[in-house]
Protein backbone atom coordinates (compact mmCIF):
# COMPACT_ATOMS: atom_id res chain seq x y z
CA UNK A 1 -114.61 42.12 130.59
CA UNK A 2 -111.75 43.37 132.81
CA UNK A 3 -108.56 45.06 131.64
CA UNK A 4 -106.60 42.03 132.86
CA UNK A 5 -108.72 39.69 130.73
CA UNK A 6 -108.34 41.97 127.71
CA UNK A 7 -104.57 42.03 128.08
CA UNK A 8 -104.46 38.24 128.50
CA UNK A 9 -106.42 37.81 125.26
CA UNK A 10 -104.04 40.17 123.47
CA UNK A 11 -100.99 38.31 124.78
CA UNK A 12 -102.44 34.95 123.80
CA UNK A 13 -103.34 36.26 120.35
CA UNK A 14 -99.77 37.45 119.90
CA UNK A 15 -98.45 34.05 120.99
CA UNK A 16 -100.68 32.35 118.44
CA UNK A 17 -99.95 34.71 115.56
CA UNK A 18 -96.25 35.36 116.11
CA UNK A 19 -94.95 32.26 117.90
CA UNK A 20 -97.62 29.73 116.84
CA UNK A 21 -98.17 28.65 120.45
CA UNK A 22 -101.49 27.95 122.18
CA UNK A 23 -103.19 25.80 124.78
CA UNK A 24 -104.78 23.72 122.02
CA UNK A 25 -103.73 23.02 118.44
CA UNK A 26 -106.68 21.67 116.50
CA UNK A 27 -106.21 20.00 113.11
CA UNK A 28 -109.22 20.21 110.79
CA UNK A 29 -111.79 23.02 110.57
CA UNK A 30 -114.68 20.74 109.72
CA UNK A 31 -117.80 19.88 111.70
CA UNK A 32 -116.04 18.49 114.76
CA UNK A 33 -112.96 20.71 114.61
CA UNK A 34 -114.84 24.01 114.48
CA UNK A 35 -117.25 23.00 117.23
CA UNK A 36 -114.43 21.77 119.50
CA UNK A 37 -112.34 24.90 118.87
CA UNK A 38 -115.28 27.15 119.72
CA UNK A 39 -116.24 25.18 122.84
CA UNK A 40 -112.70 25.16 124.26
CA UNK A 41 -112.19 28.83 123.37
CA UNK A 42 -115.38 29.67 125.29
CA UNK A 43 -113.69 28.20 128.37
CA UNK A 44 -110.82 30.65 128.04
CA UNK A 45 -108.45 28.27 126.25
CA UNK A 46 -106.16 29.73 123.61
CA UNK A 47 -106.80 27.79 120.38
CA UNK A 48 -105.02 27.46 117.04
CA UNK A 49 -107.27 25.99 114.33
CA UNK A 50 -105.54 24.58 111.25
CA UNK A 51 -107.25 23.87 107.94
CA UNK A 52 -105.80 22.88 104.57
CA UNK A 53 -108.27 24.93 102.52
CA UNK A 54 -110.48 27.66 103.93
CA UNK A 55 -112.70 28.12 100.87
CA UNK A 56 -116.30 26.98 101.18
CA UNK A 57 -116.18 23.17 100.77
CA UNK A 58 -118.31 21.41 98.20
CA UNK A 59 -118.99 17.99 99.70
CA UNK A 60 -121.88 15.55 99.88
CA UNK A 61 -121.44 14.65 103.55
CA UNK A 62 -122.76 16.41 106.63
CA UNK A 63 -126.01 17.71 105.11
CA UNK A 64 -128.61 16.41 107.58
CA UNK A 65 -128.57 17.39 111.25
CA UNK A 66 -130.87 15.39 113.52
CA UNK A 67 -132.75 17.11 116.38
CA UNK A 68 -130.34 15.74 118.99
CA UNK A 69 -127.43 17.23 117.07
CA UNK A 70 -129.21 20.57 116.70
CA UNK A 71 -129.76 20.67 120.47
CA UNK A 72 -126.06 19.93 121.06
CA UNK A 73 -125.13 22.68 118.58
CA UNK A 74 -127.29 25.12 120.51
CA UNK A 75 -125.66 24.10 123.80
CA UNK A 76 -122.30 25.01 122.24
CA UNK A 77 -123.58 28.48 121.36
CA UNK A 78 -123.48 27.74 117.64
CA UNK A 79 -127.17 27.37 116.92
CA UNK A 80 -127.08 30.50 114.77
CA UNK A 81 -124.92 28.66 112.23
CA UNK A 82 -127.99 26.99 110.69
CA UNK A 83 -129.60 30.40 110.11
CA UNK A 84 -129.24 32.35 106.89
CA UNK A 85 -128.07 29.39 104.79
CA UNK A 86 -131.44 28.37 103.29
CA UNK A 87 -131.60 25.41 105.69
CA UNK A 88 -134.70 23.19 105.51
CA UNK A 89 -136.63 22.07 108.58
CA UNK A 90 -136.83 18.29 108.96
CA UNK A 91 -139.78 16.74 110.83
CA UNK A 92 -138.80 13.08 110.64
CA UNK A 93 -138.44 10.16 108.21
CA UNK A 94 -140.54 9.05 105.25
CA UNK A 95 -140.03 5.43 104.15
CA UNK A 96 -141.11 4.11 100.75
CA UNK A 97 -141.11 0.31 100.54
CA UNK A 98 -141.94 -1.24 97.16
CA UNK A 99 -144.43 1.55 96.42
CA UNK A 100 -146.01 1.66 99.89
CA UNK A 101 -145.04 4.51 102.17
CA UNK A 102 -145.24 5.72 105.76
CA UNK A 103 -144.22 9.00 107.39
CA UNK A 104 -142.59 8.74 110.81
CA UNK A 105 -142.43 12.14 112.55
CA UNK A 106 -140.16 12.91 115.47
CA UNK A 107 -142.12 12.26 118.69
CA UNK A 108 -143.29 14.63 121.38
CA UNK A 109 -140.61 14.93 124.09
CA UNK A 110 -140.16 16.94 127.27
CA UNK A 111 -137.10 18.88 128.41
CA UNK A 112 -135.56 15.72 129.90
CA UNK A 113 -135.91 13.75 126.68
CA UNK A 114 -138.85 11.61 127.83
CA UNK A 115 -140.91 10.41 124.87
CA UNK A 116 -144.68 10.86 124.93
CA UNK A 117 -146.46 8.43 122.62
CA UNK A 118 -149.85 8.10 120.99
CA UNK A 119 -152.88 9.43 122.87
CA UNK A 120 -150.75 10.44 125.85
CA UNK A 121 -148.81 12.82 123.62
CA UNK A 122 -152.00 14.33 122.22
CA UNK A 123 -153.50 14.83 125.68
CA UNK A 124 -150.37 16.40 127.12
CA UNK A 125 -149.81 18.58 124.07
CA UNK A 126 -153.33 19.96 124.23
CA UNK A 127 -153.64 20.35 128.00
CA UNK A 128 -150.34 21.19 129.63
CA UNK A 129 -147.70 21.94 127.04
CA UNK A 130 -147.76 25.64 127.86
CA UNK A 131 -148.77 25.59 131.51
CA UNK A 132 -146.46 26.56 134.32
CA UNK A 133 -146.74 23.26 136.18
CA UNK A 134 -146.95 20.78 133.29
CA UNK A 135 -143.99 19.40 131.33
CA UNK A 136 -142.60 21.60 128.58
CA UNK A 137 -143.36 19.56 125.49
CA UNK A 138 -142.30 19.99 121.89
CA UNK A 139 -141.85 18.15 118.65
CA UNK A 140 -138.13 18.47 117.90
CA UNK A 141 -136.91 19.44 114.46
CA UNK A 142 -133.80 18.71 112.47
CA UNK A 143 -132.18 20.74 109.71
CA UNK A 144 -130.83 19.88 106.27
CA UNK A 145 -128.61 22.21 104.26
CA UNK A 146 -125.71 22.62 101.88
CA UNK A 147 -122.68 21.31 103.75
CA UNK A 148 -120.37 24.06 102.55
CA UNK A 149 -122.65 26.87 103.71
CA UNK A 150 -122.92 25.35 107.17
CA UNK A 151 -119.16 24.84 107.48
CA UNK A 152 -118.56 28.43 106.39
CA UNK A 153 -120.84 29.60 109.18
CA UNK A 154 -118.96 27.47 111.74
CA UNK A 155 -115.63 28.83 110.50
CA UNK A 156 -116.96 32.38 110.61
CA UNK A 157 -117.94 31.88 114.25
CA UNK A 158 -114.47 30.57 115.05
CA UNK A 159 -112.76 33.39 113.14
CA UNK A 160 -114.72 35.93 115.19
CA UNK A 161 -113.77 34.40 118.54
CA UNK A 162 -111.01 36.33 120.37
CA UNK A 163 -109.42 33.10 121.65
CA UNK A 164 -109.10 31.42 118.24
CA UNK A 165 -106.64 32.02 115.42
CA UNK A 166 -107.13 30.16 112.13
CA UNK A 167 -104.27 29.27 109.79
CA UNK A 168 -104.63 27.91 106.26
CA UNK A 169 -101.92 25.26 106.10
CA UNK A 170 -101.43 21.55 105.39
CA UNK A 171 -100.50 19.42 108.40
CA UNK A 172 -97.85 16.86 107.51
CA UNK A 173 -96.79 15.29 110.81
CA UNK A 174 -96.86 15.58 114.57
CA UNK A 175 -93.91 16.96 116.52
CA UNK A 176 -92.65 14.70 119.28
CA UNK A 177 -90.43 15.52 122.23
CA UNK A 178 -86.71 14.75 121.92
CA UNK A 179 -86.66 12.81 125.20
CA UNK A 180 -90.17 11.37 125.19
CA UNK A 181 -92.95 10.24 122.87
CA UNK A 182 -95.18 13.16 123.88
CA UNK A 183 -96.66 15.18 121.03
CA UNK A 184 -95.81 18.87 121.30
CA UNK A 185 -97.63 20.10 118.20
CA UNK A 186 -97.62 19.64 114.45
CA UNK A 187 -95.45 20.41 111.45
CA UNK A 188 -97.14 21.87 108.39
CA UNK A 189 -96.58 23.27 104.92
CA UNK A 190 -97.86 26.80 104.40
CA UNK A 191 -98.15 28.35 100.96
CA UNK A 192 -96.48 31.73 100.53
CA UNK A 193 -99.14 33.69 98.67
CA UNK A 194 -96.62 36.00 97.05
CA UNK A 195 -94.46 33.22 95.58
CA UNK A 196 -96.72 30.16 95.64
CA UNK A 197 -94.00 28.15 97.38
CA UNK A 198 -94.81 25.82 100.26
CA UNK A 199 -92.67 26.45 103.33
CA UNK A 200 -92.34 24.39 106.53
CA UNK A 201 -94.23 25.74 109.52
CA UNK A 202 -94.61 24.62 113.14
CA UNK A 203 -97.43 24.96 115.67
CA UNK A 204 -97.14 24.07 119.36
CA UNK A 205 -99.77 23.40 122.01
CA UNK A 206 -100.24 21.78 125.39
CA UNK A 207 -102.71 19.46 123.67
CA UNK A 208 -103.12 18.61 119.98
CA UNK A 209 -106.56 17.52 118.77
CA UNK A 210 -106.69 15.84 115.36
CA UNK A 211 -110.05 15.83 113.59
CA UNK A 212 -109.02 15.45 109.96
CA UNK A 213 -112.04 13.45 108.84
CA UNK A 214 -112.90 10.01 107.48
CA UNK A 215 -109.74 9.81 105.36
CA UNK A 216 -107.45 10.71 108.25
CA UNK A 217 -103.73 10.55 107.54
CA UNK A 218 -103.00 10.14 111.27
CA UNK A 219 -105.34 7.23 112.03
CA UNK A 220 -102.72 4.54 111.39
CA UNK A 221 -100.24 6.33 113.63
CA UNK A 222 -102.57 6.82 116.58
CA UNK A 223 -105.06 3.94 116.54
CA UNK A 224 -104.23 0.35 117.57
CA UNK A 225 -102.77 -2.01 114.99
CA UNK A 226 -105.31 -3.50 112.62
CA UNK A 227 -107.93 -0.79 113.21
CA UNK A 228 -109.30 0.35 109.88
CA UNK A 229 -112.73 1.43 108.61
CA UNK A 230 -114.99 -1.25 107.13
CA UNK A 231 -116.40 -0.11 103.78
CA UNK A 232 -119.17 -2.16 102.15
CA UNK A 233 -120.53 0.37 99.68
CA UNK A 234 -120.44 3.92 98.37
CA UNK A 235 -123.06 6.63 98.16
CA UNK A 236 -123.25 8.28 94.74
CA UNK A 237 -124.76 11.75 94.90
CA UNK A 238 -127.05 13.72 92.61
CA UNK A 239 -128.43 17.21 93.15
CA UNK A 240 -132.04 17.39 92.01
CA UNK A 241 -133.62 20.73 91.15
CA UNK A 242 -137.24 21.47 92.15
CA UNK A 243 -137.92 17.79 92.77
CA UNK A 244 -141.48 17.10 94.04
CA UNK A 245 -141.52 14.41 96.73
CA UNK A 246 -144.35 14.68 99.27
CA UNK A 247 -144.49 14.83 102.19
CA UNK A 248 -142.16 17.82 102.32
CA UNK A 249 -139.73 18.46 105.17
CA UNK A 250 -138.94 14.77 105.70
CA UNK A 251 -135.87 12.67 105.05
CA UNK A 252 -136.95 10.07 102.47
CA UNK A 253 -135.68 6.48 102.37
CA UNK A 254 -136.63 4.47 99.27
CA UNK A 255 -136.39 0.69 99.58
CA UNK A 256 -137.07 -1.55 96.62
CA UNK A 257 -135.11 -3.91 94.42
CA UNK A 258 -131.95 -1.88 95.01
CA UNK A 259 -129.88 -0.90 98.01
CA UNK A 260 -131.40 2.03 99.91
CA UNK A 261 -131.77 5.45 98.30
CA UNK A 262 -131.89 8.62 100.41
CA UNK A 263 -133.45 11.92 99.38
CA UNK A 264 -133.66 15.08 101.46
CA UNK A 265 -134.06 18.73 100.61
CA UNK A 266 -130.93 20.85 101.22
CA UNK A 267 -132.27 24.18 99.93
CA UNK A 268 -135.39 25.86 98.61
CA UNK A 269 -134.81 24.37 95.16
CA UNK A 270 -132.21 21.62 95.76
CA UNK A 271 -132.72 18.04 96.89
CA UNK A 272 -129.87 15.65 97.58
CA UNK A 273 -130.19 12.09 96.30
CA UNK A 274 -127.76 9.52 97.69
CA UNK A 275 -127.72 6.17 95.90
CA UNK A 276 -126.08 3.27 97.70
CA UNK A 277 -123.96 1.05 95.46
CA UNK A 278 -122.41 -2.02 97.12
CA UNK A 279 -118.87 -2.98 96.14
CA UNK A 280 -118.60 -5.29 93.14
CA UNK A 281 -122.28 -4.96 92.27
CA UNK A 282 -122.78 -6.71 88.89
CA UNK A 283 -125.53 -4.26 87.86
CA UNK A 284 -123.01 -1.39 88.21
CA UNK A 285 -120.21 -3.09 86.29
CA UNK A 286 -118.68 -1.47 83.23
CA UNK A 287 -120.37 -4.10 81.06
CA UNK A 288 -123.74 -2.81 82.27
CA UNK A 289 -122.95 0.86 81.82
CA UNK A 290 -121.23 1.46 85.16
CA UNK A 291 -122.78 3.49 87.95
CA UNK A 292 -124.67 5.76 85.53
CA UNK A 293 -126.15 2.73 83.80
CA UNK A 294 -127.11 1.22 87.16
CA UNK A 295 -128.86 4.42 88.24
CA UNK A 296 -130.68 4.86 84.94
CA UNK A 297 -131.68 1.24 84.39
CA UNK A 298 -132.20 -0.09 87.91
CA UNK A 299 -132.55 2.75 90.40
CA UNK A 300 -134.85 5.13 88.48
CA UNK A 301 -137.64 2.53 88.03
CA UNK A 302 -137.56 1.97 91.80
CA UNK A 303 -138.20 5.64 92.58
CA UNK A 304 -141.63 7.26 92.84
CA UNK A 305 -142.79 8.57 89.46
CA UNK A 306 -142.69 12.20 90.63
CA UNK A 307 -138.96 11.90 91.33
CA UNK A 308 -137.81 10.19 88.13
CA UNK A 309 -137.71 13.24 85.79
CA UNK A 310 -135.48 15.13 88.25
CA UNK A 311 -133.06 12.21 88.52
CA UNK A 312 -132.86 11.76 84.75
CA UNK A 313 -132.27 15.52 84.36
CA UNK A 314 -129.40 15.35 86.88
CA UNK A 315 -127.81 12.55 84.83
CA UNK A 316 -127.81 14.56 81.59
CA UNK A 317 -124.38 16.07 82.30
CA UNK A 318 -122.85 12.71 81.32
CA UNK A 319 -120.57 12.65 84.36
CA UNK A 320 -120.14 9.90 86.92
CA UNK A 321 -121.82 11.23 90.09
CA UNK A 322 -119.58 12.16 93.00
CA UNK A 323 -119.23 9.48 95.62
CA UNK A 324 -118.15 8.86 99.18
CA UNK A 325 -117.34 5.59 100.97
CA UNK A 326 -119.86 4.40 103.54
CA UNK A 327 -117.52 3.57 106.40
CA UNK A 328 -117.88 1.93 109.79
CA UNK A 329 -115.19 2.48 112.41
CA UNK A 330 -116.02 1.56 116.02
CA UNK A 331 -114.43 3.78 118.66
CA UNK A 332 -111.38 2.19 120.23
CA UNK A 333 -110.94 2.44 124.00
CA UNK A 334 -107.18 2.67 123.43
CA UNK A 335 -107.29 5.37 120.76
CA UNK A 336 -106.97 8.28 123.19
CA UNK A 337 -105.76 6.54 126.35
CA UNK A 338 -102.51 4.73 127.10
CA UNK A 339 -101.24 5.74 123.69
CA UNK A 340 -99.28 8.83 122.68
CA UNK A 341 -99.53 11.61 125.29
CA UNK A 342 -100.28 15.14 124.13
CA UNK A 343 -102.57 14.21 121.22
CA UNK A 344 -106.18 13.11 120.76
CA UNK A 345 -107.82 11.64 117.67
CA UNK A 346 -111.49 12.61 117.40
CA UNK A 347 -114.42 13.12 115.03
CA UNK A 348 -114.70 10.87 111.96
CA UNK A 349 -111.01 10.10 112.26
CA UNK A 350 -111.92 8.25 115.49
CA UNK A 351 -115.44 6.87 115.00
CA UNK A 352 -117.73 6.47 111.96
CA UNK A 353 -121.00 4.82 111.11
CA UNK A 354 -123.01 4.28 107.90
CA UNK A 355 -124.63 7.61 106.94
CA UNK A 356 -128.00 5.95 106.26
CA UNK A 357 -129.68 7.44 109.36
CA UNK A 358 -127.89 10.80 109.16
CA UNK A 359 -126.40 10.52 112.64
CA UNK A 360 -122.81 11.66 112.00
CA UNK A 361 -123.11 15.33 112.98
CA UNK A 362 -125.31 14.45 115.95
CA UNK A 363 -122.52 12.24 117.29
CA UNK A 364 -119.92 14.93 116.56
CA UNK A 365 -121.67 17.80 118.35
CA UNK A 366 -122.74 15.61 121.28
CA UNK A 367 -119.14 14.44 121.59
CA UNK A 368 -117.92 18.04 121.69
CA UNK A 369 -120.37 18.94 124.48
CA UNK A 370 -119.07 16.03 126.56
CA UNK A 371 -115.41 16.61 125.68
CA UNK A 372 -115.59 20.28 126.65
CA UNK A 373 -117.14 19.43 130.01
CA UNK A 374 -114.47 16.81 130.78
CA UNK A 375 -111.58 19.08 129.76
CA UNK A 376 -113.01 22.14 131.48
CA UNK A 377 -110.32 24.20 133.30
CA UNK A 378 -112.04 23.42 136.61
CA UNK A 379 -111.29 19.72 135.98
CA UNK A 380 -108.10 19.88 133.90
CA UNK A 381 -106.38 23.22 134.58
CA UNK A 382 -103.29 22.27 132.59
CA UNK A 383 -103.83 20.45 129.29
CA UNK A 384 -100.17 19.41 129.33
CA UNK A 385 -101.03 17.14 132.27
CA UNK A 386 -101.10 13.88 130.30
CA UNK A 387 -102.42 11.83 133.22
CA UNK A 388 -105.37 14.18 133.82
CA UNK A 389 -106.21 14.24 130.11
CA UNK A 390 -106.02 10.44 129.93
CA UNK A 391 -108.43 10.08 132.85
CA UNK A 392 -110.81 12.53 131.17
CA UNK A 393 -110.66 10.55 127.93
CA UNK A 394 -111.37 7.26 129.67
CA UNK A 395 -114.54 8.84 131.04
CA UNK A 396 -115.26 10.30 127.60
CA UNK A 397 -115.05 6.85 125.97
CA UNK A 398 -117.64 5.29 128.26
CA UNK A 399 -120.04 8.19 128.74
CA UNK A 400 -120.43 8.90 125.01
CA UNK A 401 -121.77 5.38 124.48
CA UNK A 402 -125.17 6.55 125.74
CA UNK A 403 -125.75 7.99 122.26
CA UNK A 404 -123.02 6.58 120.00
CA UNK A 405 -123.88 2.93 120.67
CA UNK A 406 -127.48 3.64 119.63
CA UNK A 407 -126.81 5.78 116.56
CA UNK A 408 -123.96 3.57 115.31
CA UNK A 409 -125.83 0.30 115.85
CA UNK A 410 -128.99 1.61 114.20
CA UNK A 411 -127.04 2.81 111.18
CA UNK A 412 -125.28 -0.51 110.68
CA UNK A 413 -128.26 -2.74 111.47
CA UNK A 414 -130.75 -0.82 109.32
CA UNK A 415 -128.33 -0.79 106.41
CA UNK A 416 -128.02 -4.58 106.67
CA UNK A 417 -131.82 -4.88 106.58
CA UNK A 418 -132.47 -2.29 103.86
CA UNK A 419 -129.73 -3.76 101.63
CA UNK A 420 -131.06 -7.29 102.20
CA UNK A 421 -129.31 -9.95 100.15
CA UNK A 422 -130.87 -13.16 101.52
CA UNK A 423 -134.36 -14.36 102.43
CA UNK A 424 -133.90 -14.01 106.19
CA UNK A 425 -132.85 -10.37 105.87
CA UNK A 426 -135.68 -9.79 103.42
CA UNK A 427 -138.11 -11.17 106.01
CA UNK A 428 -136.64 -8.85 108.63
CA UNK A 429 -136.92 -5.92 106.22
CA UNK A 430 -140.62 -6.64 105.70
CA UNK A 431 -141.07 -6.89 109.45
CA UNK A 432 -139.30 -3.57 109.94
CA UNK A 433 -141.58 -1.76 107.48
CA UNK A 434 -144.67 -3.36 109.01
CA UNK A 435 -143.46 -2.10 112.38
CA UNK A 436 -143.10 1.41 110.95
CA UNK A 437 -146.67 1.18 109.65
CA UNK A 438 -147.98 0.52 113.16
CA UNK A 439 -147.02 4.09 114.08
CA UNK A 440 -147.68 5.73 117.43
CA UNK A 441 -145.95 4.15 120.40
CA UNK A 442 -144.32 1.55 118.13
CA UNK A 443 -142.33 4.14 116.21
CA UNK A 444 -142.00 7.08 118.62
CA UNK A 445 -139.15 5.56 120.59
CA UNK A 446 -137.25 4.19 117.55
CA UNK A 447 -137.37 7.54 115.74
CA UNK A 448 -136.32 9.28 118.96
CA UNK A 449 -133.33 6.94 119.09
CA UNK A 450 -132.43 7.70 115.46
CA UNK A 451 -132.86 11.41 116.07
CA UNK A 452 -130.40 11.44 118.96
CA UNK A 453 -133.16 12.34 121.42
CA UNK A 454 -133.37 9.14 123.46
CA UNK A 455 -130.22 7.68 125.02
CA UNK A 456 -131.29 4.24 126.26
CA UNK A 457 -129.57 1.29 124.50
CA UNK A 458 -131.91 -1.25 126.09
CA UNK A 459 -134.86 0.46 124.39
CA UNK A 460 -133.08 -0.11 121.08
CA UNK A 461 -132.59 -3.81 121.85
CA UNK A 462 -136.25 -4.20 122.81
CA UNK A 463 -137.55 -2.67 119.61
CA UNK A 464 -135.07 -4.48 117.37
CA UNK A 465 -136.08 -7.91 118.61
CA UNK A 466 -139.76 -6.96 118.55
CA UNK A 467 -139.22 -6.27 114.85
CA UNK A 468 -137.68 -9.74 114.54
CA UNK A 469 -140.79 -11.39 116.01
CA UNK A 470 -143.05 -9.30 113.78
CA UNK A 471 -140.97 -10.54 110.83
CA UNK A 472 -141.36 -14.15 111.97
CA UNK A 473 -145.14 -13.75 112.29
CA UNK A 474 -145.48 -12.16 108.83
CA UNK A 475 -143.30 -14.87 107.29
CA UNK A 476 -145.40 -17.57 108.97
CA UNK A 477 -148.64 -16.02 107.65
CA UNK A 478 -147.19 -15.63 104.16
CA UNK A 479 -145.92 -19.19 103.96
CA UNK A 480 -149.14 -20.59 105.41
CA UNK A 481 -151.09 -18.86 102.65
CA UNK A 482 -153.63 -17.45 105.10
CA UNK A 483 -154.82 -20.94 105.97
CA UNK A 484 -154.79 -22.45 109.47
CA UNK A 485 -154.46 -25.92 107.94
CA UNK A 486 -151.61 -24.74 105.72
CA UNK A 487 -149.87 -23.35 108.78
CA UNK A 488 -150.24 -26.64 110.67
CA UNK A 489 -148.99 -28.71 107.75
CA UNK A 490 -145.95 -26.49 107.28
CA UNK A 491 -145.36 -25.96 111.01
CA UNK A 492 -142.08 -27.94 111.23
CA UNK A 493 -140.53 -26.02 108.33
CA UNK A 494 -141.90 -22.72 109.60
CA UNK A 495 -140.40 -23.33 113.03
CA UNK A 496 -137.04 -23.84 111.34
CA UNK A 497 -137.57 -20.65 109.35
CA UNK A 498 -138.44 -18.78 112.53
CA UNK A 499 -135.22 -19.93 114.19
CA UNK A 500 -133.20 -18.90 111.13
CA UNK A 501 -134.81 -15.45 111.02
CA UNK A 502 -134.19 -14.91 114.73
CA UNK A 503 -130.62 -16.13 114.33
CA UNK A 504 -130.08 -13.74 111.43
CA UNK A 505 -131.41 -10.87 113.55
CA UNK A 506 -128.91 -11.80 116.26
CA UNK A 507 -126.07 -11.89 113.72
CA UNK A 508 -127.00 -8.42 112.49
CA UNK A 509 -127.53 -6.80 115.88
CA UNK A 510 -125.41 -8.46 118.55
CA UNK A 511 -121.90 -8.19 117.02
CA UNK A 512 -122.39 -4.48 116.33
CA UNK A 513 -123.83 -3.66 119.75
CA UNK A 514 -121.01 -5.67 121.33
CA UNK A 515 -118.36 -3.71 119.44
CA UNK A 516 -120.08 -0.50 120.50
CA UNK A 517 -120.31 -1.60 124.14
CA UNK A 518 -116.60 -2.32 124.72
């Protein structure tokens, strides 16, 4: 590093610390905020990172990182943040459906993301995985961990970066220019540690990035009118201690007479259980004992026997489990373009999906990789250039769809199937599990899509509608009672059923993929 560079870093640090001025002011030191701050700082940008509370957070979100997200994290130079926090390796998904189960491991892929299925994968793995001329093959891995430990590692990385200064303060509003609508920075309240009083503070930047999470206070100000998250249910969380649930190192999805239940290990001894409870569910009403009564009376019998003692032990504290809303918020093309210059809304404040498939952090880190490349100083030398930033964000909106449209659509569509509330959805759910049971080439591409490894939306469409036809065939066989004559006699009704099942599949899939495509 040259003397000139050293002096520039010192001057910029003084500007940040004394005058609260930087190239970028970033609101929210969470998953997206820390990654974005670090990526922009690595490009030589001077960054101010603002966070309301810098203590280790204790939250039930952001605990499972898919392989695609882990790869993006490594590209950002933050791969070390999953080390030393008792993180658990994740090899794929394990689905339990009314007592039957199937493990779906992440597929073999090469360095370009191509999926190798079935016998082809075995041949290539054994013959050329480590040769000089053959493709470099691997089975990707995810990680699961305590959210707070991971966030602390991200914040530690940011705190150690010479181009980042972190302030513990509460952002209250954006600062706009006196002669224009351009955002110049943010106003905050900072607690004086000696007196405990909260005093006004001000931070200025060429560009303000707001990533204040799913409950963003700025969303209404910066997103188009009428844009609000859709919330159909909540996840209630339990922490299970030394819970046996083979196979180990998988994310478990339990489907039965209830909405889906997720279980995944977040430490050597701790397993997270997330129990989906739809809004206004009669079984969770106060008359039936509330959420605790629903879990004890309805959910526990659905779980594998090995898991039940751990769940009952976690309920002994007598408290209502912590919860989080399961939100869906499609990304708006107008959110960061042709709106207020000088500010961008990103992360969960900008785009959310149901957490069923654990894709949130994968989207976040992949978004940061793309954002950093589009705002690179070689492309946008001056972040105060509103027109250049707007052009970059238009490109950002469309290019990110290669992964967000897949992860978001899968999350919403699979939740609709797994929380089936009518016979058509139930038929599709059975078809989906039967498809999982086929394994090999049938599941390698779908699990690669869920893992953020494969970025081809048409592959998603092909598999989804294949599942629909599998569901129609199974329904036909079930209604025909295994008899050819029975099938012929019921053929007119079964044709109607087939049309209704296919129509229901279209209703589940097409509106979501359309919203993700525009």
